[in-house]
N, C-alpha and C. Protein backbone atom coordinates (compact mmCIF):
# COMPACT_ATOMS: atom_id res chain seq x y z
N UNK A 1 31.85 59.94 72.03
CA UNK A 1 32.88 60.43 71.13
C UNK A 1 33.20 61.89 71.43
N UNK A 2 32.16 62.67 71.78
CA UNK A 2 32.35 64.09 72.08
C UNK A 2 33.24 64.24 73.32
N UNK A 3 33.04 63.39 74.30
CA UNK A 3 33.83 63.46 75.53
C UNK A 3 35.29 63.11 75.28
N UNK A 4 35.57 62.33 74.25
CA UNK A 4 36.94 61.95 73.93
C UNK A 4 37.68 63.09 73.25
N UNK A 5 36.98 63.90 72.47
CA UNK A 5 37.66 64.94 71.70
C UNK A 5 37.92 66.19 72.51
N UNK A 6 37.11 66.46 73.54
CA UNK A 6 37.30 67.68 74.31
C UNK A 6 38.67 67.77 74.97
N UNK A 7 39.15 66.70 75.65
CA UNK A 7 40.49 66.77 76.22
C UNK A 7 41.56 66.99 75.16
N UNK A 8 41.38 66.35 74.01
CA UNK A 8 42.36 66.50 72.93
C UNK A 8 42.42 67.95 72.46
N UNK A 9 41.22 68.55 72.29
CA UNK A 9 41.18 69.94 71.85
C UNK A 9 41.80 70.87 72.89
N UNK A 10 41.53 70.59 74.14
CA UNK A 10 42.09 71.40 75.22
C UNK A 10 43.62 71.30 75.23
N UNK A 11 44.11 70.06 75.08
CA UNK A 11 45.55 69.85 75.05
C UNK A 11 46.18 70.57 73.87
N UNK A 12 45.49 70.53 72.73
CA UNK A 12 46.02 71.17 71.54
C UNK A 12 46.12 72.69 71.73
N UNK A 13 45.14 73.28 72.41
CA UNK A 13 45.18 74.72 72.67
C UNK A 13 46.35 75.09 73.58
N UNK A 14 46.76 74.16 74.44
CA UNK A 14 47.91 74.41 75.30
C UNK A 14 49.23 74.22 74.57
N UNK A 15 49.29 73.18 73.71
CA UNK A 15 50.53 72.83 73.04
C UNK A 15 50.93 73.86 71.99
N UNK A 16 49.94 74.38 71.24
CA UNK A 16 50.26 75.30 70.16
C UNK A 16 51.01 76.54 70.64
N UNK A 17 50.51 77.23 71.69
CA UNK A 17 51.28 78.38 72.18
C UNK A 17 52.67 78.00 72.67
N UNK A 18 52.78 76.81 73.28
CA UNK A 18 54.07 76.36 73.76
C UNK A 18 55.05 76.18 72.60
N UNK A 19 54.59 75.57 71.51
CA UNK A 19 55.44 75.38 70.35
C UNK A 19 55.87 76.72 69.75
N UNK A 20 54.93 77.65 69.72
CA UNK A 20 55.26 78.98 69.19
C UNK A 20 56.33 79.64 70.05
N UNK A 21 56.17 79.53 71.38
CA UNK A 21 57.16 80.11 72.28
C UNK A 21 58.53 79.47 72.10
N UNK A 22 58.56 78.14 71.95
CA UNK A 22 59.83 77.44 71.73
C UNK A 22 60.48 77.88 70.44
N UNK A 23 59.67 78.04 69.39
CA UNK A 23 60.21 78.48 68.10
C UNK A 23 60.79 79.88 68.21
N UNK A 24 60.05 80.77 68.88
CA UNK A 24 60.50 82.15 69.01
C UNK A 24 61.79 82.22 69.84
N UNK A 25 61.81 81.45 70.96
CA UNK A 25 63.00 81.47 71.81
C UNK A 25 64.20 80.90 71.06
N UNK A 26 63.97 79.86 70.26
CA UNK A 26 65.06 79.30 69.45
C UNK A 26 65.56 80.29 68.42
N UNK A 27 64.63 81.04 67.83
CA UNK A 27 65.00 82.04 66.84
C UNK A 27 65.84 83.14 67.47
N UNK A 28 65.42 83.60 68.66
CA UNK A 28 66.19 84.63 69.36
C UNK A 28 67.56 84.11 69.77
N UNK A 29 67.61 82.82 70.17
CA UNK A 29 68.90 82.25 70.57
C UNK A 29 69.86 82.25 69.40
N UNK A 30 69.38 81.88 68.20
CA UNK A 30 70.23 81.89 67.01
C UNK A 30 70.69 83.31 66.70
N UNK A 31 69.76 84.27 66.84
CA UNK A 31 70.12 85.66 66.58
C UNK A 31 71.16 86.15 67.58
N UNK A 32 70.99 85.75 68.86
CA UNK A 32 71.93 86.15 69.89
C UNK A 32 73.33 85.61 69.59
N UNK A 33 73.39 84.34 69.15
CA UNK A 33 74.67 83.73 68.83
C UNK A 33 75.33 84.44 67.66
N UNK A 34 74.54 84.75 66.65
CA UNK A 34 75.08 85.48 65.51
C UNK A 34 75.54 86.86 65.91
N UNK A 35 74.81 87.49 66.83
CA UNK A 35 75.18 88.81 67.32
C UNK A 35 76.50 88.75 68.07
N UNK A 36 76.72 87.67 68.82
CA UNK A 36 77.96 87.53 69.58
C UNK A 36 79.15 87.41 68.63
N UNK A 37 79.01 86.67 67.55
CA UNK A 37 80.09 86.55 66.57
C UNK A 37 80.38 87.92 65.96
N UNK A 38 79.33 88.64 65.58
CA UNK A 38 79.53 89.97 64.99
C UNK A 38 80.21 90.92 65.98
N UNK A 39 79.83 90.78 67.25
CA UNK A 39 80.45 91.61 68.29
C UNK A 39 81.94 91.33 68.41
N UNK A 40 82.30 90.04 68.39
CA UNK A 40 83.71 89.67 68.49
C UNK A 40 84.48 90.05 67.23
N UNK A 41 83.82 89.95 66.08
CA UNK A 41 84.46 90.39 64.84
C UNK A 41 84.79 91.89 64.90
N UNK A 42 83.84 92.66 65.43
CA UNK A 42 84.07 94.10 65.57
C UNK A 42 85.27 94.37 66.48
N UNK A 43 85.40 93.56 67.53
CA UNK A 43 86.49 93.76 68.48
C UNK A 43 87.85 93.52 67.82
N UNK A 44 87.95 92.45 67.01
CA UNK A 44 89.25 92.18 66.39
C UNK A 44 89.55 93.17 65.26
N UNK A 45 88.51 93.69 64.62
CA UNK A 45 88.74 94.71 63.60
C UNK A 45 89.26 96.00 64.24
N UNK A 46 88.75 96.31 65.44
CA UNK A 46 89.20 97.51 66.14
C UNK A 46 90.57 97.31 66.77
N UNK A 47 90.87 96.06 67.15
CA UNK A 47 92.15 95.75 67.82
C UNK A 47 92.83 94.58 67.11
N UNK A 48 93.34 94.80 65.91
CA UNK A 48 93.88 93.71 65.10
C UNK A 48 95.11 93.02 65.68
N UNK A 49 95.73 93.60 66.69
CA UNK A 49 96.91 92.98 67.30
C UNK A 49 96.59 92.34 68.65
N UNK A 50 95.31 92.16 68.93
CA UNK A 50 94.88 91.54 70.19
C UNK A 50 94.71 90.04 69.98
N UNK A 51 95.68 89.27 70.42
CA UNK A 51 95.65 87.82 70.22
C UNK A 51 94.45 87.18 70.90
N UNK A 52 94.14 87.63 72.10
CA UNK A 52 93.02 87.03 72.84
C UNK A 52 91.69 87.36 72.19
N UNK A 53 91.61 88.46 71.50
CA UNK A 53 90.39 88.77 70.76
C UNK A 53 90.13 87.73 69.68
N UNK A 54 91.19 87.35 68.95
CA UNK A 54 91.06 86.31 67.93
C UNK A 54 90.79 84.95 68.56
N UNK A 55 91.39 84.72 69.73
CA UNK A 55 91.14 83.46 70.44
C UNK A 55 89.67 83.34 70.82
N UNK A 56 89.11 84.41 71.36
CA UNK A 56 87.69 84.39 71.75
C UNK A 56 86.78 84.24 70.54
N UNK A 57 87.14 84.89 69.44
CA UNK A 57 86.35 84.75 68.22
C UNK A 57 86.41 83.31 67.71
N UNK A 58 87.59 82.71 67.76
CA UNK A 58 87.73 81.32 67.33
C UNK A 58 86.88 80.37 68.17
N UNK A 59 86.86 80.60 69.47
CA UNK A 59 86.05 79.76 70.35
C UNK A 59 84.56 79.87 70.00
N UNK A 60 84.13 81.08 69.67
CA UNK A 60 82.72 81.26 69.31
C UNK A 60 82.40 80.55 68.01
N UNK A 61 83.31 80.66 67.03
CA UNK A 61 83.13 79.93 65.77
C UNK A 61 83.06 78.42 66.04
N UNK A 62 83.98 77.93 66.86
CA UNK A 62 84.02 76.49 67.15
C UNK A 62 82.74 76.04 67.82
N UNK A 63 82.18 76.90 68.67
CA UNK A 63 80.92 76.56 69.33
C UNK A 63 79.77 76.38 68.36
N UNK A 64 79.91 76.97 67.16
CA UNK A 64 78.91 76.82 66.11
C UNK A 64 79.36 75.81 65.05
N UNK A 65 80.45 75.09 65.35
CA UNK A 65 81.03 74.10 64.44
C UNK A 65 81.47 74.73 63.12
N UNK A 66 81.83 75.99 63.17
CA UNK A 66 82.40 76.67 62.01
C UNK A 66 83.92 76.58 62.14
N UNK A 67 84.41 75.36 61.93
CA UNK A 67 85.79 75.04 62.28
C UNK A 67 86.81 75.74 61.40
N UNK A 68 86.50 75.91 60.14
CA UNK A 68 87.46 76.57 59.25
C UNK A 68 87.74 77.98 59.74
N UNK A 69 86.68 78.71 60.08
CA UNK A 69 86.86 80.08 60.58
C UNK A 69 87.51 80.08 61.95
N UNK A 70 87.16 79.07 62.76
CA UNK A 70 87.78 78.96 64.09
C UNK A 70 89.29 78.75 63.96
N UNK A 71 89.68 77.87 63.07
CA UNK A 71 91.11 77.58 62.87
C UNK A 71 91.84 78.82 62.39
N UNK A 72 91.24 79.55 61.46
CA UNK A 72 91.87 80.78 60.97
C UNK A 72 92.05 81.79 62.10
N UNK A 73 91.07 81.88 62.99
CA UNK A 73 91.17 82.81 64.11
C UNK A 73 92.25 82.38 65.09
N UNK A 74 92.32 81.08 65.39
CA UNK A 74 93.36 80.59 66.29
C UNK A 74 94.75 80.82 65.69
N UNK A 75 94.88 80.55 64.40
CA UNK A 75 96.18 80.75 63.76
C UNK A 75 96.60 82.22 63.80
N UNK A 76 95.62 83.10 63.64
CA UNK A 76 95.91 84.53 63.73
C UNK A 76 96.36 84.89 65.14
N UNK A 77 95.71 84.32 66.14
CA UNK A 77 96.09 84.58 67.53
C UNK A 77 97.53 84.12 67.79
N UNK A 78 97.90 82.97 67.27
CA UNK A 78 99.25 82.43 67.47
C UNK A 78 100.28 83.27 66.73
N UNK A 79 99.91 83.76 65.54
CA UNK A 79 100.83 84.61 64.78
C UNK A 79 101.15 85.89 65.55
N UNK A 80 100.16 86.40 66.25
CA UNK A 80 100.35 87.62 67.04
C UNK A 80 101.11 87.32 68.32
N UNK A 81 100.74 86.22 68.98
CA UNK A 81 101.36 85.84 70.26
C UNK A 81 101.76 84.37 70.20
N UNK A 82 102.96 84.07 69.68
CA UNK A 82 103.37 82.68 69.45
C UNK A 82 103.33 81.78 70.69
N UNK A 83 103.44 82.35 71.86
CA UNK A 83 103.45 81.52 73.06
C UNK A 83 102.10 81.38 73.72
N UNK A 84 101.02 81.67 73.00
CA UNK A 84 99.68 81.63 73.60
C UNK A 84 99.22 80.18 73.72
N UNK A 85 99.48 79.61 74.88
CA UNK A 85 99.22 78.20 75.14
C UNK A 85 97.76 77.82 74.87
N UNK A 86 96.84 78.66 75.29
CA UNK A 86 95.42 78.35 75.15
C UNK A 86 95.02 78.21 73.68
N UNK A 87 95.70 78.95 72.82
CA UNK A 87 95.40 78.86 71.38
C UNK A 87 95.88 77.53 70.81
N UNK A 88 97.01 77.01 71.32
CA UNK A 88 97.48 75.69 70.89
C UNK A 88 96.41 74.64 71.17
N UNK A 89 95.89 74.70 72.40
CA UNK A 89 94.88 73.74 72.82
C UNK A 89 93.64 73.84 71.95
N UNK A 90 93.17 75.06 71.74
CA UNK A 90 91.95 75.26 70.96
C UNK A 90 92.14 74.84 69.51
N UNK A 91 93.30 75.13 68.95
CA UNK A 91 93.57 74.76 67.56
C UNK A 91 93.64 73.25 67.41
N UNK A 92 94.33 72.59 68.33
CA UNK A 92 94.40 71.13 68.29
C UNK A 92 93.02 70.50 68.43
N UNK A 93 92.19 71.06 69.31
CA UNK A 93 90.84 70.54 69.51
C UNK A 93 89.98 70.74 68.26
N UNK A 94 90.14 71.87 67.59
CA UNK A 94 89.36 72.14 66.37
C UNK A 94 89.71 71.14 65.28
N UNK A 95 91.00 70.87 65.11
CA UNK A 95 91.40 69.87 64.11
C UNK A 95 90.89 68.48 64.51
N UNK A 96 90.98 68.18 65.81
CA UNK A 96 90.52 66.87 66.30
C UNK A 96 89.03 66.70 66.03
N UNK A 97 88.24 67.74 66.31
CA UNK A 97 86.79 67.65 66.09
C UNK A 97 86.45 67.48 64.62
N UNK A 98 87.34 67.92 63.75
CA UNK A 98 87.16 67.71 62.31
C UNK A 98 87.70 66.36 61.85
N UNK A 99 88.23 65.60 62.80
CA UNK A 99 88.84 64.30 62.52
C UNK A 99 90.11 64.43 61.67
N UNK A 100 90.72 65.60 61.71
CA UNK A 100 92.00 65.82 61.03
C UNK A 100 93.08 65.61 62.09
N UNK A 101 93.32 64.35 62.42
CA UNK A 101 94.18 64.02 63.56
C UNK A 101 95.64 64.33 63.28
N UNK A 102 96.06 64.19 62.03
CA UNK A 102 97.45 64.51 61.69
C UNK A 102 97.73 65.99 61.92
N UNK A 103 96.77 66.85 61.61
CA UNK A 103 96.94 68.29 61.83
C UNK A 103 96.85 68.64 63.31
N UNK A 104 96.07 67.87 64.07
CA UNK A 104 95.93 68.13 65.50
C UNK A 104 97.22 67.77 66.26
N UNK A 105 97.95 66.77 65.77
CA UNK A 105 99.09 66.22 66.51
C UNK A 105 100.14 67.26 66.92
N UNK A 106 100.68 68.08 66.00
CA UNK A 106 101.75 68.99 66.44
C UNK A 106 101.30 69.99 67.49
N UNK A 107 100.03 70.37 67.46
CA UNK A 107 99.55 71.33 68.46
C UNK A 107 99.37 70.67 69.82
N UNK A 108 98.93 69.42 69.82
CA UNK A 108 98.84 68.69 71.09
C UNK A 108 100.22 68.41 71.66
N UNK A 109 101.19 68.18 70.79
CA UNK A 109 102.56 67.97 71.25
C UNK A 109 103.14 69.25 71.84
N UNK A 110 102.83 70.40 71.23
CA UNK A 110 103.29 71.68 71.76
C UNK A 110 102.75 71.90 73.17
N UNK A 111 101.49 71.53 73.36
CA UNK A 111 100.86 71.70 74.68
C UNK A 111 101.61 70.89 75.74
N UNK A 112 101.98 69.66 75.39
CA UNK A 112 102.67 68.80 76.34
C UNK A 112 104.07 69.34 76.65
N UNK A 113 104.73 69.90 75.64
CA UNK A 113 106.06 70.46 75.87
C UNK A 113 106.02 71.62 76.86
N UNK A 114 104.92 72.37 76.83
CA UNK A 114 104.77 73.49 77.75
C UNK A 114 104.57 73.01 79.18
N UNK A 115 103.82 71.93 79.34
CA UNK A 115 103.53 71.38 80.68
C UNK A 115 103.62 69.86 80.61
N UNK A 116 104.84 69.31 80.59
CA UNK A 116 105.01 67.86 80.36
C UNK A 116 104.43 66.97 81.43
N UNK A 117 104.16 67.50 82.62
CA UNK A 117 103.61 66.68 83.70
C UNK A 117 102.09 66.83 83.84
N UNK A 118 101.47 67.51 82.92
CA UNK A 118 100.03 67.72 82.98
C UNK A 118 99.31 66.46 82.48
N UNK A 119 98.50 65.87 83.34
CA UNK A 119 97.84 64.60 83.00
C UNK A 119 96.87 64.74 81.84
N UNK A 120 96.07 65.79 81.86
CA UNK A 120 95.06 65.96 80.81
C UNK A 120 95.70 66.21 79.45
N UNK A 121 96.79 66.95 79.42
CA UNK A 121 97.48 67.20 78.15
C UNK A 121 98.05 65.91 77.58
N UNK A 122 98.64 65.10 78.44
CA UNK A 122 99.16 63.82 77.98
C UNK A 122 98.04 62.89 77.53
N UNK A 123 96.93 62.95 78.23
CA UNK A 123 95.77 62.12 77.84
C UNK A 123 95.25 62.54 76.46
N UNK A 124 95.13 63.85 76.24
CA UNK A 124 94.66 64.34 74.95
C UNK A 124 95.62 63.95 73.83
N UNK A 125 96.92 64.05 74.10
CA UNK A 125 97.91 63.64 73.11
C UNK A 125 97.78 62.15 72.82
N UNK A 126 97.57 61.36 73.87
CA UNK A 126 97.37 59.92 73.68
C UNK A 126 96.17 59.63 72.79
N UNK A 127 95.11 60.41 72.95
CA UNK A 127 93.91 60.21 72.12
C UNK A 127 94.18 60.50 70.65
N UNK A 128 95.04 61.49 70.39
CA UNK A 128 95.40 61.78 68.99
C UNK A 128 96.22 60.61 68.42
N UNK A 129 97.20 60.16 69.18
CA UNK A 129 98.00 59.00 68.74
C UNK A 129 97.09 57.79 68.49
N UNK A 130 96.12 57.60 69.37
CA UNK A 130 95.20 56.47 69.22
C UNK A 130 94.45 56.56 67.88
N UNK A 131 93.93 57.73 67.58
CA UNK A 131 93.19 57.90 66.33
C UNK A 131 94.09 57.71 65.10
N UNK A 132 95.36 57.99 65.26
CA UNK A 132 96.32 57.78 64.17
C UNK A 132 96.83 56.33 64.13
N UNK A 133 96.32 55.50 65.05
CA UNK A 133 96.70 54.09 65.18
C UNK A 133 98.17 53.92 65.54
N UNK A 134 98.71 54.92 66.20
CA UNK A 134 100.07 54.83 66.74
C UNK A 134 99.94 54.39 68.20
N UNK A 135 99.61 53.13 68.37
CA UNK A 135 99.18 52.64 69.68
C UNK A 135 100.29 52.65 70.72
N UNK A 136 101.52 52.37 70.32
CA UNK A 136 102.62 52.40 71.29
C UNK A 136 102.84 53.81 71.81
N UNK A 137 102.77 54.79 70.91
CA UNK A 137 102.91 56.18 71.34
C UNK A 137 101.74 56.59 72.23
N UNK A 138 100.55 56.09 71.90
CA UNK A 138 99.38 56.39 72.72
C UNK A 138 99.56 55.83 74.12
N UNK A 139 100.04 54.59 74.22
CA UNK A 139 100.28 53.98 75.54
C UNK A 139 101.27 54.81 76.35
N UNK A 140 102.33 55.29 75.69
CA UNK A 140 103.33 56.10 76.39
C UNK A 140 102.70 57.38 76.94
N UNK A 141 101.83 57.98 76.17
CA UNK A 141 101.17 59.21 76.63
C UNK A 141 100.19 58.92 77.76
N UNK A 142 99.43 57.84 77.61
CA UNK A 142 98.50 57.48 78.68
C UNK A 142 99.25 57.14 79.97
N UNK A 143 100.39 56.50 79.81
CA UNK A 143 101.19 56.15 80.98
C UNK A 143 101.67 57.41 81.71
N UNK A 144 102.06 58.44 80.95
CA UNK A 144 102.47 59.71 81.57
C UNK A 144 101.30 60.36 82.28
N UNK A 145 100.13 60.26 81.67
CA UNK A 145 98.93 60.81 82.31
C UNK A 145 98.66 60.12 83.64
N UNK A 146 98.82 58.81 83.65
CA UNK A 146 98.58 58.02 84.86
C UNK A 146 99.65 58.30 85.92
N UNK A 147 100.90 58.45 85.48
CA UNK A 147 101.98 58.69 86.43
C UNK A 147 101.75 59.95 87.25
N UNK A 148 101.06 60.91 86.66
CA UNK A 148 100.81 62.17 87.34
C UNK A 148 99.41 62.27 87.92
N UNK A 149 98.64 61.20 87.75
CA UNK A 149 97.30 61.15 88.33
C UNK A 149 96.90 59.68 88.41
N UNK A 150 97.29 59.02 89.49
CA UNK A 150 97.20 57.57 89.57
C UNK A 150 95.81 57.03 89.29
N UNK A 151 94.79 57.74 89.72
CA UNK A 151 93.43 57.23 89.57
C UNK A 151 92.76 57.68 88.27
N UNK A 152 93.55 57.97 87.26
CA UNK A 152 93.03 58.44 85.98
C UNK A 152 92.43 57.23 85.24
N UNK A 153 91.18 56.94 85.57
CA UNK A 153 90.55 55.71 85.08
C UNK A 153 90.38 55.70 83.56
N UNK A 154 90.05 56.84 82.97
CA UNK A 154 89.87 56.90 81.52
C UNK A 154 91.18 56.59 80.80
N UNK A 155 92.30 57.02 81.38
CA UNK A 155 93.59 56.74 80.76
C UNK A 155 93.91 55.25 80.84
N UNK A 156 93.58 54.63 81.96
CA UNK A 156 93.77 53.17 82.08
C UNK A 156 92.92 52.45 81.03
N UNK A 157 91.68 52.86 80.91
CA UNK A 157 90.78 52.23 79.93
C UNK A 157 91.34 52.37 78.51
N UNK A 158 91.74 53.58 78.14
CA UNK A 158 92.25 53.81 76.79
C UNK A 158 93.53 53.04 76.54
N UNK A 159 94.37 52.96 77.56
CA UNK A 159 95.60 52.19 77.44
C UNK A 159 95.29 50.71 77.23
N UNK A 160 94.29 50.20 77.93
CA UNK A 160 93.90 48.79 77.77
C UNK A 160 93.42 48.51 76.35
N UNK A 161 92.67 49.44 75.76
CA UNK A 161 92.21 49.26 74.38
C UNK A 161 93.41 49.21 73.44
N UNK A 162 94.40 50.06 73.70
CA UNK A 162 95.64 50.00 72.90
C UNK A 162 96.31 48.64 73.04
N UNK A 163 96.34 48.12 74.26
CA UNK A 163 96.93 46.80 74.47
C UNK A 163 96.19 45.73 73.65
N UNK A 164 94.88 45.84 73.61
CA UNK A 164 94.10 44.88 72.81
C UNK A 164 94.46 45.01 71.34
N UNK A 165 94.59 46.24 70.87
CA UNK A 165 94.91 46.49 69.46
C UNK A 165 96.28 45.92 69.09
N UNK A 166 97.18 45.88 70.06
CA UNK A 166 98.54 45.41 69.78
C UNK A 166 98.79 43.99 70.29
N UNK A 167 97.73 43.30 70.69
CA UNK A 167 97.86 41.90 71.07
C UNK A 167 98.36 41.64 72.48
N UNK A 168 98.41 42.67 73.31
CA UNK A 168 98.88 42.50 74.69
C UNK A 168 97.66 42.25 75.59
N UNK A 169 97.04 41.12 75.39
CA UNK A 169 95.75 40.83 75.98
C UNK A 169 95.83 40.68 77.50
N UNK A 170 96.88 40.05 77.98
CA UNK A 170 97.00 39.85 79.43
C UNK A 170 97.07 41.18 80.17
N UNK A 171 97.77 42.14 79.58
CA UNK A 171 97.88 43.45 80.22
C UNK A 171 96.52 44.16 80.22
N UNK A 172 95.79 43.98 79.13
CA UNK A 172 94.44 44.56 79.06
C UNK A 172 93.53 43.94 80.11
N UNK A 173 93.66 42.64 80.33
CA UNK A 173 92.83 41.96 81.32
C UNK A 173 93.15 42.43 82.74
N UNK A 174 94.41 42.72 83.00
CA UNK A 174 94.79 43.22 84.33
C UNK A 174 94.10 44.57 84.60
N UNK A 175 94.08 45.40 83.58
CA UNK A 175 93.42 46.70 83.73
C UNK A 175 91.91 46.49 83.90
N UNK A 176 91.36 45.52 83.18
CA UNK A 176 89.93 45.24 83.32
C UNK A 176 89.60 44.84 84.76
N UNK A 177 90.43 44.02 85.35
CA UNK A 177 90.22 43.61 86.74
C UNK A 177 90.29 44.82 87.67
N UNK A 178 91.26 45.69 87.41
CA UNK A 178 91.42 46.89 88.24
C UNK A 178 90.20 47.80 88.11
N UNK A 179 89.70 47.95 86.88
CA UNK A 179 88.55 48.83 86.65
C UNK A 179 87.27 48.31 87.30
N UNK A 180 87.16 47.01 87.44
CA UNK A 180 85.96 46.43 88.05
C UNK A 180 85.74 46.95 89.46
N UNK A 181 86.82 47.31 90.13
CA UNK A 181 86.72 47.85 91.49
C UNK A 181 86.70 49.37 91.53
N UNK A 182 86.89 49.99 90.36
CA UNK A 182 87.00 51.45 90.31
C UNK A 182 85.86 52.11 89.55
N UNK A 183 85.54 51.55 88.39
CA UNK A 183 84.57 52.20 87.51
C UNK A 183 83.86 51.12 86.70
N UNK A 184 82.68 50.75 87.13
CA UNK A 184 81.97 49.64 86.49
C UNK A 184 81.61 49.95 85.03
N UNK A 185 81.28 51.20 84.76
CA UNK A 185 80.92 51.59 83.39
C UNK A 185 82.08 51.33 82.44
N UNK A 186 83.28 51.78 82.81
CA UNK A 186 84.45 51.56 81.95
C UNK A 186 84.82 50.08 81.92
N UNK A 187 84.63 49.39 83.03
CA UNK A 187 84.93 47.95 83.05
C UNK A 187 84.06 47.19 82.07
N UNK A 188 82.77 47.54 82.02
CA UNK A 188 81.85 46.88 81.08
C UNK A 188 82.22 47.22 79.65
N UNK A 189 82.57 48.48 79.39
CA UNK A 189 82.96 48.88 78.04
C UNK A 189 84.22 48.14 77.60
N UNK A 190 85.18 48.00 78.51
CA UNK A 190 86.41 47.28 78.18
C UNK A 190 86.13 45.80 77.97
N UNK A 191 85.22 45.26 78.74
CA UNK A 191 84.85 43.85 78.58
C UNK A 191 84.30 43.59 77.18
N UNK A 192 83.55 44.55 76.65
CA UNK A 192 83.04 44.40 75.28
C UNK A 192 84.18 44.32 74.28
N UNK A 193 85.20 45.16 74.48
CA UNK A 193 86.37 45.10 73.60
C UNK A 193 87.06 43.74 73.71
N UNK A 194 87.15 43.24 74.92
CA UNK A 194 87.80 41.94 75.11
C UNK A 194 87.00 40.81 74.46
N UNK A 195 85.70 40.98 74.38
CA UNK A 195 84.86 39.96 73.76
C UNK A 195 84.84 40.05 72.24
N UNK A 196 84.90 41.27 71.71
CA UNK A 196 84.70 41.45 70.26
C UNK A 196 86.00 41.67 69.48
N UNK A 197 87.05 42.21 70.15
CA UNK A 197 88.25 42.56 69.42
C UNK A 197 89.40 41.58 69.59
N UNK A 198 89.24 40.64 70.51
CA UNK A 198 90.31 39.67 70.77
C UNK A 198 90.08 38.43 69.92
N UNK A 199 91.11 37.96 69.20
CA UNK A 199 90.99 36.73 68.42
C UNK A 199 90.57 35.55 69.30
N UNK A 200 89.85 34.62 68.70
CA UNK A 200 89.36 33.47 69.47
C UNK A 200 90.47 32.70 70.15
N UNK A 201 91.60 32.55 69.49
CA UNK A 201 92.69 31.76 70.06
C UNK A 201 93.38 32.46 71.23
N UNK A 202 93.05 33.76 71.44
CA UNK A 202 93.67 34.49 72.54
C UNK A 202 92.69 34.71 73.69
N UNK A 203 91.47 34.25 73.56
CA UNK A 203 90.46 34.48 74.58
C UNK A 203 90.58 33.53 75.76
N UNK A 204 91.28 32.45 75.58
CA UNK A 204 91.39 31.47 76.65
C UNK A 204 92.31 31.94 77.74
């Protein structure tokens, strides 16, 4: 019995200091993050007309999931510089992360108007439409994303899910076949949708 406890005691003497170090490092990390917010707050107080200062502060808030403060900072940045494209993106993302998809929509639409051929912007807009269950609009956005980036596999996958939601099963199956040769992970995920979301009478 004595021989069994010695290794345990030895391991415990090693683990305890390690846990203390992890706790201390985590504590310093939290303090550092708080210090960064205070630093950025000082910057915007000193330069209240600096739109990018508010943008950076908003990003830091968002990184801590302090979305209300992040949104206020982004809105302040836009009020100072109405054409600040990056703030549109950040504001839309903050609303999206809060699941406030209706509020995210106009900002995602503004982003697309600035760069209508940008695949990622169209994809993000499609995701907002999807969450709002506006599946036809989502398909249109995903299609634009694909038109400007043919191998945009995630857009094909998302479009196929929209097709399933709207009963266009054959079109979803065509995309599933295409994905099988491109991205097995997405193909398997789409196959699950075809198995669980398609009515029995449409599975044949």
